[in-house]
Each structure stands twice: as structure tokens, then as C-alpha cells.
Amino acid sequence: MHFITGFTFALAAEVKRFNIRVNSVVPGMIEGGVSKNIPENLKQDFIAHCAQGRPARSEEIAKVVCFFASDKSSYINGQNILVDGGI
């Protein structure tokens, strides 16, 4: 996580002169996909510690990505947004 934080901030600073914004979305566990291979005890541990009490749906992550791709996020730069259900 610290690598992503530093990389996002450094890249945002480097390309701001070209009017390019750089942000990252850091998801928690997502239903299906890669999480199918996670052992059940680790999934249950995540759920037990997650404020939402469940993994994310891919659509929930996609909505955040779409927000960053839109003009609605025009003044956000160099940020890492955790979309992890409150873990």
C-alpha cells in the first residue's frame, strides 16, 4: 500500500504540468474473480473485520473509477481512495 501511495503522489506531481491527474483506487475484497481462490477462513476473517460485513461488488468499485474518470473529480489529484468497506 505504501508503494502505491508514494507512486500515485509522485506521478501526480510529475505530470500535473500536462494537466493530467493521477489517483488510485485501492479496493478491498471483491466478490468473485480472484477472491474465489482465497481460503474460506480468510474470507470470513475479512468479513468479520469489515464495517460493511461483506465483500464489495465489482459495480461498487467501478462507480468510483467512473467518478475519477469524470469531470466531477477535476480537483482531486494524487489521492489513494480506499474502497474496502471500512476494513
N, C-alpha and C. Protein backbone atom coordinates (compact mmCIF):
# COMPACT_ATOMS: atom_id res chain seq x y z
N MET A 1 0.82 -1.19 0.00
CA MET A 1 0.00 0.00 0.00
C MET A 1 0.86 1.26 0.00
N HIS A 2 1.94 1.25 0.78
CA HIS A 2 2.79 2.45 0.85
C HIS A 2 3.43 2.75 -0.50
N PHE A 3 3.77 1.71 -1.26
CA PHE A 3 4.35 1.92 -2.58
C PHE A 3 3.33 2.63 -3.47
N ILE A 4 2.09 2.17 -3.46
CA ILE A 4 1.05 2.79 -4.28
C ILE A 4 0.83 4.24 -3.88
N THR A 5 0.80 4.51 -2.57
CA THR A 5 0.61 5.87 -2.08
C THR A 5 1.70 6.79 -2.60
N GLY A 6 2.94 6.40 -2.45
CA GLY A 6 4.06 7.21 -2.91
C GLY A 6 4.09 7.36 -4.42
N PHE A 7 3.84 6.27 -5.11
CA PHE A 7 3.86 6.30 -6.57
C PHE A 7 2.77 7.23 -7.11
N THR A 8 1.57 7.12 -6.57
CA THR A 8 0.45 7.96 -7.02
C THR A 8 0.78 9.43 -6.83
N PHE A 9 1.26 9.79 -5.66
CA PHE A 9 1.58 11.19 -5.37
C PHE A 9 2.71 11.70 -6.27
N ALA A 10 3.77 10.90 -6.42
CA ALA A 10 4.92 11.32 -7.23
C ALA A 10 4.54 11.47 -8.70
N LEU A 11 3.76 10.53 -9.21
CA LEU A 11 3.36 10.62 -10.62
C LEU A 11 2.43 11.81 -10.84
N ALA A 12 1.52 12.05 -9.89
CA ALA A 12 0.63 13.22 -10.00
C ALA A 12 1.43 14.51 -10.04
N ALA A 13 2.45 14.61 -9.20
CA ALA A 13 3.29 15.81 -9.18
C ALA A 13 4.07 15.96 -10.48
N GLU A 14 4.51 14.84 -11.04
CA GLU A 14 5.32 14.87 -12.25
C GLU A 14 4.53 15.30 -13.48
N VAL A 15 3.28 14.86 -13.60
CA VAL A 15 2.52 15.11 -14.84
C VAL A 15 1.48 16.23 -14.71
N LYS A 16 1.43 16.89 -13.57
CA LYS A 16 0.43 17.97 -13.41
C LYS A 16 0.63 19.08 -14.42
N ARG A 17 1.87 19.32 -14.86
CA ARG A 17 2.13 20.39 -15.84
C ARG A 17 1.48 20.10 -17.20
N PHE A 18 1.10 18.83 -17.42
CA PHE A 18 0.41 18.44 -18.65
C PHE A 18 -1.11 18.36 -18.44
N ASN A 19 -1.57 18.85 -17.29
CA ASN A 19 -2.99 18.82 -16.94
C ASN A 19 -3.52 17.38 -16.85
N ILE A 20 -2.66 16.50 -16.34
CA ILE A 20 -3.05 15.10 -16.13
C ILE A 20 -3.15 14.87 -14.63
N ARG A 21 -4.26 14.29 -14.22
CA ARG A 21 -4.45 13.94 -12.81
C ARG A 21 -4.18 12.45 -12.62
N VAL A 22 -3.63 12.11 -11.47
CA VAL A 22 -3.33 10.70 -11.15
C VAL A 22 -3.90 10.40 -9.77
N ASN A 23 -4.78 9.44 -9.72
CA ASN A 23 -5.36 8.97 -8.47
C ASN A 23 -5.40 7.45 -8.53
N SER A 24 -5.50 6.81 -7.39
CA SER A 24 -5.60 5.35 -7.40
C SER A 24 -6.79 4.91 -6.57
N VAL A 25 -7.36 3.80 -6.99
CA VAL A 25 -8.45 3.16 -6.27
C VAL A 25 -7.89 1.88 -5.67
N VAL A 26 -8.02 1.75 -4.36
CA VAL A 26 -7.46 0.60 -3.64
C VAL A 26 -8.64 -0.20 -3.07
N PRO A 27 -9.06 -1.24 -3.79
CA PRO A 27 -10.22 -1.99 -3.33
C PRO A 27 -9.86 -3.01 -2.25
N GLY A 28 -10.86 -3.36 -1.48
CA GLY A 28 -10.74 -4.48 -0.56
C GLY A 28 -11.10 -5.75 -1.32
N MET A 29 -11.63 -6.72 -0.62
CA MET A 29 -12.03 -7.96 -1.26
C MET A 29 -13.26 -7.72 -2.12
N ILE A 30 -13.25 -8.32 -3.32
CA ILE A 30 -14.36 -8.19 -4.26
C ILE A 30 -14.95 -9.58 -4.48
N GLU A 31 -16.28 -9.65 -4.52
CA GLU A 31 -16.95 -10.93 -4.77
C GLU A 31 -16.48 -11.51 -6.10
N GLY A 32 -16.30 -12.82 -6.14
CA GLY A 32 -15.92 -13.49 -7.37
C GLY A 32 -14.48 -13.19 -7.76
N GLY A 33 -14.16 -13.44 -9.01
CA GLY A 33 -12.82 -13.15 -9.52
C GLY A 33 -11.72 -13.80 -8.70
N VAL A 34 -10.71 -13.02 -8.38
CA VAL A 34 -9.54 -13.51 -7.65
C VAL A 34 -9.91 -14.04 -6.27
N SER A 35 -10.93 -13.46 -5.66
CA SER A 35 -11.28 -13.89 -4.29
C SER A 35 -11.81 -15.32 -4.24
N LYS A 36 -12.14 -15.90 -5.38
CA LYS A 36 -12.56 -17.31 -5.41
C LYS A 36 -11.45 -18.22 -4.89
N ASN A 37 -10.21 -17.80 -5.05
CA ASN A 37 -9.07 -18.62 -4.65
C ASN A 37 -8.61 -18.37 -3.22
N ILE A 38 -9.25 -17.46 -2.52
CA ILE A 38 -8.87 -17.15 -1.14
C ILE A 38 -9.51 -18.20 -0.23
N PRO A 39 -8.74 -18.77 0.67
CA PRO A 39 -9.29 -19.76 1.59
C PRO A 39 -10.48 -19.20 2.38
N GLU A 40 -11.47 -20.03 2.64
CA GLU A 40 -12.70 -19.60 3.28
C GLU A 40 -12.46 -18.94 4.63
N ASN A 41 -11.49 -19.44 5.41
CA ASN A 41 -11.23 -18.84 6.72
C ASN A 41 -10.73 -17.40 6.59
N LEU A 42 -9.97 -17.10 5.55
CA LEU A 42 -9.51 -15.72 5.34
C LEU A 42 -10.64 -14.83 4.87
N LYS A 43 -11.55 -15.36 4.04
CA LYS A 43 -12.72 -14.58 3.63
C LYS A 43 -13.57 -14.22 4.84
N GLN A 44 -13.79 -15.20 5.72
CA GLN A 44 -14.60 -14.95 6.90
C GLN A 44 -13.94 -13.96 7.85
N ASP A 45 -12.60 -13.99 7.92
CA ASP A 45 -11.88 -13.04 8.75
C ASP A 45 -12.06 -11.62 8.20
N PHE A 46 -11.98 -11.48 6.89
CA PHE A 46 -12.20 -10.17 6.26
C PHE A 46 -13.61 -9.66 6.60
N ILE A 47 -14.60 -10.51 6.39
CA ILE A 47 -15.99 -10.12 6.64
C ILE A 47 -16.19 -9.73 8.10
N ALA A 48 -15.56 -10.45 9.01
CA ALA A 48 -15.70 -10.16 10.44
C ALA A 48 -15.12 -8.80 10.80
N HIS A 49 -14.11 -8.34 10.07
CA HIS A 49 -13.45 -7.08 10.37
C HIS A 49 -13.89 -5.92 9.47
N CYS A 50 -14.77 -6.21 8.54
CA CYS A 50 -15.23 -5.21 7.58
C CYS A 50 -16.50 -4.54 8.10
N ALA A 51 -16.51 -3.22 8.14
CA ALA A 51 -17.68 -2.50 8.63
C ALA A 51 -18.93 -2.81 7.81
N GLN A 52 -18.78 -3.06 6.54
CA GLN A 52 -19.91 -3.39 5.68
C GLN A 52 -20.37 -4.84 5.88
N GLY A 53 -19.50 -5.68 6.40
CA GLY A 53 -19.86 -7.07 6.67
C GLY A 53 -19.96 -7.95 5.44
N ARG A 54 -19.30 -7.53 4.36
CA ARG A 54 -19.35 -8.31 3.12
C ARG A 54 -18.27 -7.82 2.17
N PRO A 55 -17.93 -8.63 1.18
CA PRO A 55 -17.02 -8.16 0.13
C PRO A 55 -17.74 -7.15 -0.77
N ALA A 56 -16.98 -6.41 -1.53
CA ALA A 56 -17.55 -5.44 -2.47
C ALA A 56 -18.10 -6.16 -3.70
N ARG A 57 -19.04 -5.52 -4.35
CA ARG A 57 -19.48 -5.96 -5.67
C ARG A 57 -18.63 -5.18 -6.69
N SER A 58 -18.31 -5.79 -7.79
CA SER A 58 -17.45 -5.13 -8.78
C SER A 58 -18.05 -3.80 -9.24
N GLU A 59 -19.38 -3.72 -9.27
CA GLU A 59 -20.03 -2.47 -9.68
C GLU A 59 -19.72 -1.33 -8.72
N GLU A 60 -19.54 -1.65 -7.44
CA GLU A 60 -19.23 -0.61 -6.45
C GLU A 60 -17.85 -0.02 -6.69
N ILE A 61 -16.91 -0.85 -7.08
CA ILE A 61 -15.56 -0.36 -7.39
C ILE A 61 -15.61 0.43 -8.70
N ALA A 62 -16.34 -0.08 -9.67
CA ALA A 62 -16.44 0.58 -10.98
C ALA A 62 -17.01 1.99 -10.86
N LYS A 63 -17.96 2.20 -9.95
CA LYS A 63 -18.55 3.53 -9.78
C LYS A 63 -17.50 4.55 -9.32
N VAL A 64 -16.59 4.12 -8.47
CA VAL A 64 -15.52 5.02 -8.01
C VAL A 64 -14.57 5.34 -9.16
N VAL A 65 -14.23 4.32 -9.94
CA VAL A 65 -13.36 4.53 -11.10
C VAL A 65 -14.02 5.49 -12.09
N CYS A 66 -15.31 5.32 -12.34
CA CYS A 66 -16.04 6.21 -13.25
C CYS A 66 -16.05 7.65 -12.72
N PHE A 67 -16.19 7.80 -11.41
CA PHE A 67 -16.14 9.13 -10.82
C PHE A 67 -14.80 9.79 -11.12
N PHE A 68 -13.70 9.06 -10.92
CA PHE A 68 -12.38 9.63 -11.18
C PHE A 68 -12.18 9.94 -12.66
N ALA A 69 -12.82 9.19 -13.53
CA ALA A 69 -12.69 9.43 -14.98
C ALA A 69 -13.55 10.59 -15.44
N SER A 70 -14.43 11.08 -14.59
CA SER A 70 -15.35 12.16 -14.97
C SER A 70 -14.81 13.53 -14.55
N ASP A 71 -15.46 14.56 -15.06
CA ASP A 71 -15.12 15.93 -14.68
C ASP A 71 -15.52 16.25 -13.25
N LYS A 72 -16.33 15.42 -12.64
CA LYS A 72 -16.76 15.65 -11.25
C LYS A 72 -15.58 15.56 -10.28
N SER A 73 -14.50 14.94 -10.70
CA SER A 73 -13.33 14.81 -9.82
C SER A 73 -12.18 15.72 -10.27
N SER A 74 -12.51 16.80 -10.95
CA SER A 74 -11.49 17.65 -11.58
C SER A 74 -10.50 18.29 -10.61
N TYR A 75 -10.82 18.37 -9.33
CA TYR A 75 -9.91 19.00 -8.38
C TYR A 75 -9.31 17.97 -7.41
N ILE A 76 -9.37 16.72 -7.77
CA ILE A 76 -8.78 15.66 -6.96
C ILE A 76 -7.55 15.15 -7.70
N ASN A 77 -6.42 15.17 -7.03
CA ASN A 77 -5.17 14.74 -7.67
C ASN A 77 -4.23 14.17 -6.62
N GLY A 78 -3.56 13.08 -6.96
CA GLY A 78 -2.57 12.48 -6.09
C GLY A 78 -3.15 11.74 -4.90
N GLN A 79 -4.40 11.27 -5.03
CA GLN A 79 -5.07 10.63 -3.90
C GLN A 79 -5.21 9.13 -4.10
N ASN A 80 -5.21 8.42 -3.01
CA ASN A 80 -5.45 6.98 -2.98
C ASN A 80 -6.78 6.78 -2.24
N ILE A 81 -7.76 6.29 -2.94
CA ILE A 81 -9.08 6.12 -2.33
C ILE A 81 -9.27 4.64 -2.00
N LEU A 82 -9.44 4.39 -0.70
CA LEU A 82 -9.70 3.03 -0.23
C LEU A 82 -11.18 2.73 -0.42
N VAL A 83 -11.48 1.69 -1.15
CA VAL A 83 -12.86 1.24 -1.34
C VAL A 83 -12.89 -0.18 -0.79
N ASP A 84 -12.84 -0.25 0.54
CA ASP A 84 -12.65 -1.53 1.19
C ASP A 84 -13.73 -1.89 2.21
N GLY A 85 -14.82 -1.15 2.19
CA GLY A 85 -15.92 -1.46 3.10
C GLY A 85 -15.63 -1.13 4.56
N GLY A 86 -14.58 -0.40 4.81
CA GLY A 86 -14.26 0.00 6.18
C GLY A 86 -13.41 -1.00 6.93
N ILE A 87 -12.53 -1.66 6.24
CA ILE A 87 -11.67 -2.66 6.90
C ILE A 87 -10.63 -2.01 7.72
